[in-house]
Amino acid sequence: MNEALAAKQIDDLRNGIISELLVKKEDFPVFRAVLVKQPDFKRFRGIAQRGGHVIYHYMDAPRS
């Protein structure tokens, strides 16, 4: 995964094109670097899975 693909997937999740996003362990560092730069970063919720993968959802309200 590169930064452009990560940004597109973040936009798709934000805009409701996809309801959840699976980020594989090997792609996580690149994805996270792009995600934390987003102005609505606190609206993304990541749920860790076995094996180091993470499933992200976009929430209506920001987390605290």
PDB file of N, CA and C in Angstrom:
ATOM      1  N   MET A   1       0.846  -1.181   0.000  1.00  0.00           N
ATOM      2  CA  MET A   1       0.000   0.000   0.000  1.00  0.00           C
ATOM      3  C   MET A   1       0.887   1.238   0.000  1.00  0.00           C
ATOM      4  N   ASN A   2       0.474   2.223  -0.785  1.00  0.00           N
ATOM      5  CA  ASN A   2       1.195   3.495  -0.768  1.00  0.00           C
ATOM      6  C   ASN A   2       0.276   4.570  -0.182  1.00  0.00           C
ATOM      7  N   GLU A   3       0.812   5.783  -0.021  1.00  0.00           N
ATOM      8  CA  GLU A   3       0.052   6.853   0.622  1.00  0.00           C
ATOM      9  C   GLU A   3      -1.174   7.256  -0.186  1.00  0.00           C
ATOM     10  N   ALA A   4      -1.082   7.246  -1.505  1.00  0.00           N
ATOM     11  CA  ALA A   4      -2.220   7.620  -2.355  1.00  0.00           C
ATOM     12  C   ALA A   4      -3.368   6.627  -2.201  1.00  0.00           C
ATOM     13  N   LEU A   5      -3.061   5.336  -2.173  1.00  0.00           N
ATOM     14  CA  LEU A   5      -4.089   4.315  -1.996  1.00  0.00           C
ATOM     15  C   LEU A   5      -4.712   4.426  -0.611  1.00  0.00           C
ATOM     16  N   ALA A   6      -3.892   4.653   0.395  1.00  0.00           N
ATOM     17  CA  ALA A   6      -4.409   4.818   1.759  1.00  0.00           C
ATOM     18  C   ALA A   6      -5.354   6.005   1.833  1.00  0.00           C
ATOM     19  N   ALA A   7      -4.987   7.122   1.223  1.00  0.00           N
ATOM     20  CA  ALA A   7      -5.841   8.316   1.231  1.00  0.00           C
ATOM     21  C   ALA A   7      -7.167   8.047   0.524  1.00  0.00           C
ATOM     22  N   LYS A   8      -7.131   7.305  -0.588  1.00  0.00           N
ATOM     23  CA  LYS A   8      -8.369   6.979  -1.305  1.00  0.00           C
ATOM     24  C   LYS A   8      -9.263   6.092  -0.465  1.00  0.00           C
ATOM     25  N   GLN A   9      -8.679   5.105   0.200  1.00  0.00           N
ATOM     26  CA  GLN A   9      -9.482   4.210   1.035  1.00  0.00           C
ATOM     27  C   GLN A   9     -10.082   4.964   2.223  1.00  0.00           C
ATOM     28  N   ILE A  10      -9.340   5.898   2.786  1.00  0.00           N
ATOM     29  CA  ILE A  10      -9.853   6.718   3.883  1.00  0.00           C
ATOM     30  C   ILE A  10     -11.034   7.549   3.398  1.00  0.00           C
ATOM     31  N   ASP A  11     -10.906   8.151   2.217  1.00  0.00           N
ATOM     32  CA  ASP A  11     -12.003   8.937   1.646  1.00  0.00           C
ATOM     33  C   ASP A  11     -13.227   8.067   1.367  1.00  0.00           C
ATOM     34  N   ASP A  12     -13.014   6.870   0.854  1.00  0.00           N
ATOM     35  CA  ASP A  12     -14.127   5.954   0.584  1.00  0.00           C
ATOM     36  C   ASP A  12     -14.856   5.592   1.874  1.00  0.00           C
ATOM     37  N   LEU A  13     -14.112   5.353   2.923  1.00  0.00           N
ATOM     38  CA  LEU A  13     -14.706   5.024   4.220  1.00  0.00           C
ATOM     39  C   LEU A  13     -15.465   6.232   4.772  1.00  0.00           C
ATOM     40  N   ARG A  14     -14.867   7.388   4.697  1.00  0.00           N
ATOM     41  CA  ARG A  14     -15.482   8.631   5.186  1.00  0.00           C
ATOM     42  C   ARG A  14     -16.786   8.935   4.443  1.00  0.00           C
ATOM     43  N   ASN A  15     -16.804   8.724   3.143  1.00  0.00           N
ATOM     44  CA  ASN A  15     -17.955   9.070   2.309  1.00  0.00           C
ATOM     45  C   ASN A  15     -19.011   7.970   2.228  1.00  0.00           C
ATOM     46  N   GLY A  16     -18.799   6.867   2.928  1.00  0.00           N
ATOM     47  CA  GLY A  16     -19.792   5.803   2.966  1.00  0.00           C
ATOM     48  C   GLY A  16     -19.787   4.880   1.766  1.00  0.00           C
ATOM     49  N   ILE A  17     -18.785   4.998   0.917  1.00  0.00           N
ATOM     50  CA  ILE A  17     -18.677   4.105  -0.236  1.00  0.00           C
ATOM     51  C   ILE A  17     -18.407   2.678   0.239  1.00  0.00           C
ATOM     52  N   ILE A  18     -17.615   2.571   1.297  1.00  0.00           N
ATOM     53  CA  ILE A  18     -17.393   1.280   1.951  1.00  0.00           C
ATOM     54  C   ILE A  18     -17.760   1.444   3.429  1.00  0.00           C
ATOM     55  N   SER A  19     -18.242   0.371   4.059  1.00  0.00           N
ATOM     56  CA  SER A  19     -18.672   0.468   5.458  1.00  0.00           C
ATOM     57  C   SER A  19     -17.559   0.117   6.438  1.00  0.00           C
ATOM     58  N   GLU A  20     -16.589  -0.652   5.969  1.00  0.00           N
ATOM     59  CA  GLU A  20     -15.448  -0.978   6.820  1.00  0.00           C
ATOM     60  C   GLU A  20     -14.238  -1.215   5.941  1.00  0.00           C
ATOM     61  N   LEU A  21     -13.078  -1.100   6.555  1.00  0.00           N
ATOM     62  CA  LEU A  21     -11.826  -1.226   5.818  1.00  0.00           C
ATOM     63  C   LEU A  21     -10.875  -2.118   6.603  1.00  0.00           C
ATOM     64  N   LEU A  22     -10.419  -3.194   5.971  1.00  0.00           N
ATOM     65  CA  LEU A  22      -9.440  -4.089   6.576  1.00  0.00           C
ATOM     66  C   LEU A  22      -8.051  -3.646   6.156  1.00  0.00           C
ATOM     67  N   VAL A  23      -7.228  -3.325   7.149  1.00  0.00           N
ATOM     68  CA  VAL A  23      -5.844  -2.938   6.894  1.00  0.00           C
ATOM     69  C   VAL A  23      -4.959  -4.076   7.388  1.00  0.00           C
ATOM     70  N   LYS A  24      -4.193  -4.636   6.491  1.00  0.00           N
ATOM     71  CA  LYS A  24      -3.314  -5.753   6.851  1.00  0.00           C
ATOM     72  C   LYS A  24      -2.105  -5.263   7.639  1.00  0.00           C
ATOM     73  N   LYS A  25      -1.555  -6.163   8.396  1.00  0.00           N
ATOM     74  CA  LYS A  25      -0.427  -5.851   9.277  1.00  0.00           C
ATOM     75  C   LYS A  25       0.713  -5.156   8.537  1.00  0.00           C
ATOM     76  N   GLU A  26       1.044  -5.634   7.361  1.00  0.00           N
ATOM     77  CA  GLU A  26       2.181  -5.070   6.624  1.00  0.00           C
ATOM     78  C   GLU A  26       1.875  -3.681   6.050  1.00  0.00           C
ATOM     79  N   ASP A  27       0.595  -3.351   5.893  1.00  0.00           N
ATOM     80  CA  ASP A  27       0.197  -2.044   5.364  1.00  0.00           C
ATOM     81  C   ASP A  27      -0.070  -1.013   6.456  1.00  0.00           C
ATOM     82  N   PHE A  28      -0.139  -1.455   7.692  1.00  0.00           N
ATOM     83  CA  PHE A  28      -0.543  -0.583   8.793  1.00  0.00           C
ATOM     84  C   PHE A  28       0.323   0.666   8.966  1.00  0.00           C
ATOM     85  N   PRO A  29       1.650   0.579   8.948  1.00  0.00           N
ATOM     86  CA  PRO A  29       2.452   1.800   9.170  1.00  0.00           C
ATOM     87  C   PRO A  29       2.172   2.907   8.148  1.00  0.00           C
ATOM     88  N   VAL A  30       2.048   2.559   6.887  1.00  0.00           N
ATOM     89  CA  VAL A  30       1.768   3.558   5.849  1.00  0.00           C
ATOM     90  C   VAL A  30       0.359   4.116   6.036  1.00  0.00           C
ATOM     91  N   PHE A  31      -0.608   3.225   6.267  1.00  0.00           N
ATOM     92  CA  PHE A  31      -1.991   3.658   6.443  1.00  0.00           C
ATOM     93  C   PHE A  31      -2.124   4.582   7.646  1.00  0.00           C
ATOM     94  N   ARG A  32      -1.536   4.218   8.746  1.00  0.00           N
ATOM     95  CA  ARG A  32      -1.633   5.020   9.975  1.00  0.00           C
ATOM     96  C   ARG A  32      -1.010   6.404   9.781  1.00  0.00           C
ATOM     97  N   ALA A  33       0.105   6.479   9.085  1.00  0.00           N
ATOM     98  CA  ALA A  33       0.759   7.764   8.844  1.00  0.00           C
ATOM     99  C   ALA A  33      -0.171   8.712   8.090  1.00  0.00           C
ATOM    100  N   VAL A  34      -0.949   8.188   7.158  1.00  0.00           N
ATOM    101  CA  VAL A  34      -1.902   9.015   6.408  1.00  0.00           C
ATOM    102  C   VAL A  34      -3.123   9.326   7.281  1.00  0.00           C
ATOM    103  N   LEU A  35      -3.597   8.351   8.025  1.00  0.00           N
ATOM    104  CA  LEU A  35      -4.802   8.516   8.845  1.00  0.00           C
ATOM    105  C   LEU A  35      -4.642   9.602   9.906  1.00  0.00           C
ATOM    106  N   VAL A  36      -3.523   9.631  10.597  1.00  0.00           N
ATOM    107  CA  VAL A  36      -3.367  10.602  11.686  1.00  0.00           C
ATOM    108  C   VAL A  36      -3.293  12.040  11.196  1.00  0.00           C
ATOM    109  N   LYS A  37      -3.082  12.243   9.909  1.00  0.00           N
ATOM    110  CA  LYS A  37      -3.045  13.595   9.348  1.00  0.00           C
ATOM    111  C   LYS A  37      -4.438  14.110   8.978  1.00  0.00           C
ATOM    112  N   GLN A  38      -5.449  13.257   9.076  1.00  0.00           N
ATOM    113  CA  GLN A  38      -6.802  13.638   8.691  1.00  0.00           C
ATOM    114  C   GLN A  38      -7.426  14.557   9.744  1.00  0.00           C
ATOM    115  N   PRO A  39      -8.145  15.604   9.320  1.00  0.00           N
ATOM    116  CA  PRO A  39      -8.763  16.519  10.290  1.00  0.00           C
ATOM    117  C   PRO A  39      -9.837  15.847  11.144  1.00  0.00           C
ATOM    118  N   ASP A  40     -10.465  14.788  10.622  1.00  0.00           N
ATOM    119  CA  ASP A  40     -11.495  14.062  11.370  1.00  0.00           C
ATOM    120  C   ASP A  40     -10.973  12.709  11.875  1.00  0.00           C
ATOM    121  N   PHE A  41      -9.707  12.689  12.218  1.00  0.00           N
ATOM    122  CA  PHE A  41      -9.034  11.465  12.673  1.00  0.00           C
ATOM    123  C   PHE A  41      -9.802  10.766  13.790  1.00  0.00           C
ATOM    124  N   LYS A  42     -10.387  11.504  14.702  1.00  0.00           N
ATOM    125  CA  LYS A  42     -11.065  10.908  15.858  1.00  0.00           C
ATOM    126  C   LYS A  42     -12.377  10.223  15.495  1.00  0.00           C
ATOM    127  N   ARG A  43     -12.815  10.344  14.268  1.00  0.00           N
ATOM    128  CA  ARG A  43     -14.041   9.666  13.836  1.00  0.00           C
ATOM    129  C   ARG A  43     -13.762   8.266  13.280  1.00  0.00           C
ATOM    130  N   PHE A  44     -12.516   7.919  13.144  1.00  0.00           N
ATOM    131  CA  PHE A  44     -12.143   6.584  12.670  1.00  0.00           C
ATOM    132  C   PHE A  44     -11.883   5.688  13.868  1.00  0.00           C
ATOM    133  N   ARG A  45     -12.513   4.519  13.863  1.00  0.00           N
ATOM    134  CA  ARG A  45     -12.308   3.566  14.947  1.00  0.00           C
ATOM    135  C   ARG A  45     -11.680   2.313  14.376  1.00  0.00           C
ATOM    136  N   GLY A  46     -10.533   1.939  14.934  1.00  0.00           N
ATOM    137  CA  GLY A  46      -9.846   0.732  14.498  1.00  0.00           C
ATOM    138  C   GLY A  46     -10.004  -0.368  15.530  1.00  0.00           C
ATOM    139  N   ILE A  47     -10.355  -1.555  15.080  1.00  0.00           N
ATOM    140  CA  ILE A  47     -10.514  -2.712  15.952  1.00  0.00           C
ATOM    141  C   ILE A  47      -9.468  -3.742  15.558  1.00  0.00           C
ATOM    142  N   ALA A  48      -8.552  -4.005  16.475  1.00  0.00           N
ATOM    143  CA  ALA A  48      -7.466  -4.942  16.206  1.00  0.00           C
ATOM    144  C   ALA A  48      -7.997  -6.365  16.060  1.00  0.00           C
ATOM    145  N   GLN A  49      -7.417  -7.084  15.123  1.00  0.00           N
ATOM    146  CA  GLN A  49      -7.779  -8.470  14.855  1.00  0.00           C
ATOM    147  C   GLN A  49      -6.574  -9.365  15.137  1.00  0.00           C
ATOM    148  N   ARG A  50      -6.814 -10.633  15.162  1.00  0.00           N
ATOM    149  CA  ARG A  50      -5.706 -11.578  15.327  1.00  0.00           C
ATOM    150  C   ARG A  50      -4.765 -11.478  14.139  1.00  0.00           C
ATOM    151  N   GLY A  51      -3.503 -11.584  14.409  1.00  0.00           N
ATOM    152  CA  GLY A  51      -2.509 -11.555  13.347  1.00  0.00           C
ATOM    153  C   GLY A  51      -2.015 -10.163  13.011  1.00  0.00           C
ATOM    154  N   GLY A  52      -2.500  -9.157  13.722  1.00  0.00           N
ATOM    155  CA  GLY A  52      -2.010  -7.802  13.515  1.00  0.00           C
ATOM    156  C   GLY A  52      -2.806  -6.969  12.529  1.00  0.00           C
ATOM    157  N   HIS A  53      -3.900  -7.501  12.001  1.00  0.00           N
ATOM    158  CA  HIS A  53      -4.739  -6.742  11.076  1.00  0.00           C
ATOM    159  C   HIS A  53      -5.674  -5.837  11.883  1.00  0.00           C
ATOM    160  N   VAL A  54      -6.191  -4.775  11.233  1.00  0.00           N
ATOM    161  CA  VAL A  54      -7.096  -3.838  11.893  1.00  0.00           C
ATOM    162  C   VAL A  54      -8.271  -3.564  10.967  1.00  0.00           C
ATOM    163  N   ILE A  55      -9.490  -3.565  11.531  1.00  0.00           N
ATOM    164  CA  ILE A  55     -10.682  -3.203  10.780  1.00  0.00           C
ATOM    165  C   ILE A  55     -11.103  -1.808  11.232  1.00  0.00           C
ATOM    166  N   TYR A  56     -11.239  -0.894  10.276  1.00  0.00           N
ATOM    167  CA  TYR A  56     -11.621   0.488  10.564  1.00  0.00           C
ATOM    168  C   TYR A  56     -13.058   0.747  10.161  1.00  0.00           C
ATOM    169  N   HIS A  57     -13.740   1.545  10.994  1.00  0.00           N
ATOM    170  CA  HIS A  57     -15.079   2.048  10.716  1.00  0.00           C
ATOM    171  C   HIS A  57     -15.048   3.548  10.881  1.00  0.00           C
ATOM    172  N   TYR A  58     -15.975   4.227  10.216  1.00  0.00           N
ATOM    173  CA  TYR A  58     -16.121   5.680  10.366  1.00  0.00           C
ATOM    174  C   TYR A  58     -17.348   5.933  11.230  1.00  0.00           C
ATOM    175  N   MET A  59     -17.183   6.697  12.297  1.00  0.00           N
ATOM    176  CA  MET A  59     -18.262   6.939  13.247  1.00  0.00           C
ATOM    177  C   MET A  59     -18.903   8.301  13.023  1.00  0.00           C
ATOM    178  N   ASP A  60     -20.182   8.432  13.386  1.00  0.00           N
ATOM    179  CA  ASP A  60     -20.889   9.708  13.274  1.00  0.00           C
ATOM    180  C   ASP A  60     -20.344  10.741  14.247  1.00  0.00           C
ATOM    181  N   ALA A  61     -19.997  10.284  15.448  1.00  0.00           N
ATOM    182  CA  ALA A  61     -19.461  11.202  16.479  1.00  0.00           C
ATOM    183  C   ALA A  61     -18.004  10.852  16.751  1.00  0.00           C
ATOM    184  N   PRO A  62     -17.168  11.846  16.984  1.00  0.00           N
ATOM    185  CA  PRO A  62     -15.763  11.561  17.277  1.00  0.00           C
ATOM    186  C   PRO A  62     -15.602  10.852  18.624  1.00  0.00           C
ATOM    187  N   ARG A  63     -14.605  10.002  18.709  1.00  0.00           N
ATOM    188  CA  ARG A  63     -14.302   9.356  19.988  1.00  0.00           C
ATOM    189  C   ARG A  63     -13.612  10.362  20.897  1.00  0.00           C
ATOM    190  N   SER A  64     -13.656  10.079  22.161  1.00  0.00           N
ATOM    191  CA  SER A  64     -13.058  11.045  23.104  1.00  0.00           C
ATOM    192  C   SER A  64     -11.586  10.845  23.271  1.00  0.00           C
TER     193      SER A  64
END
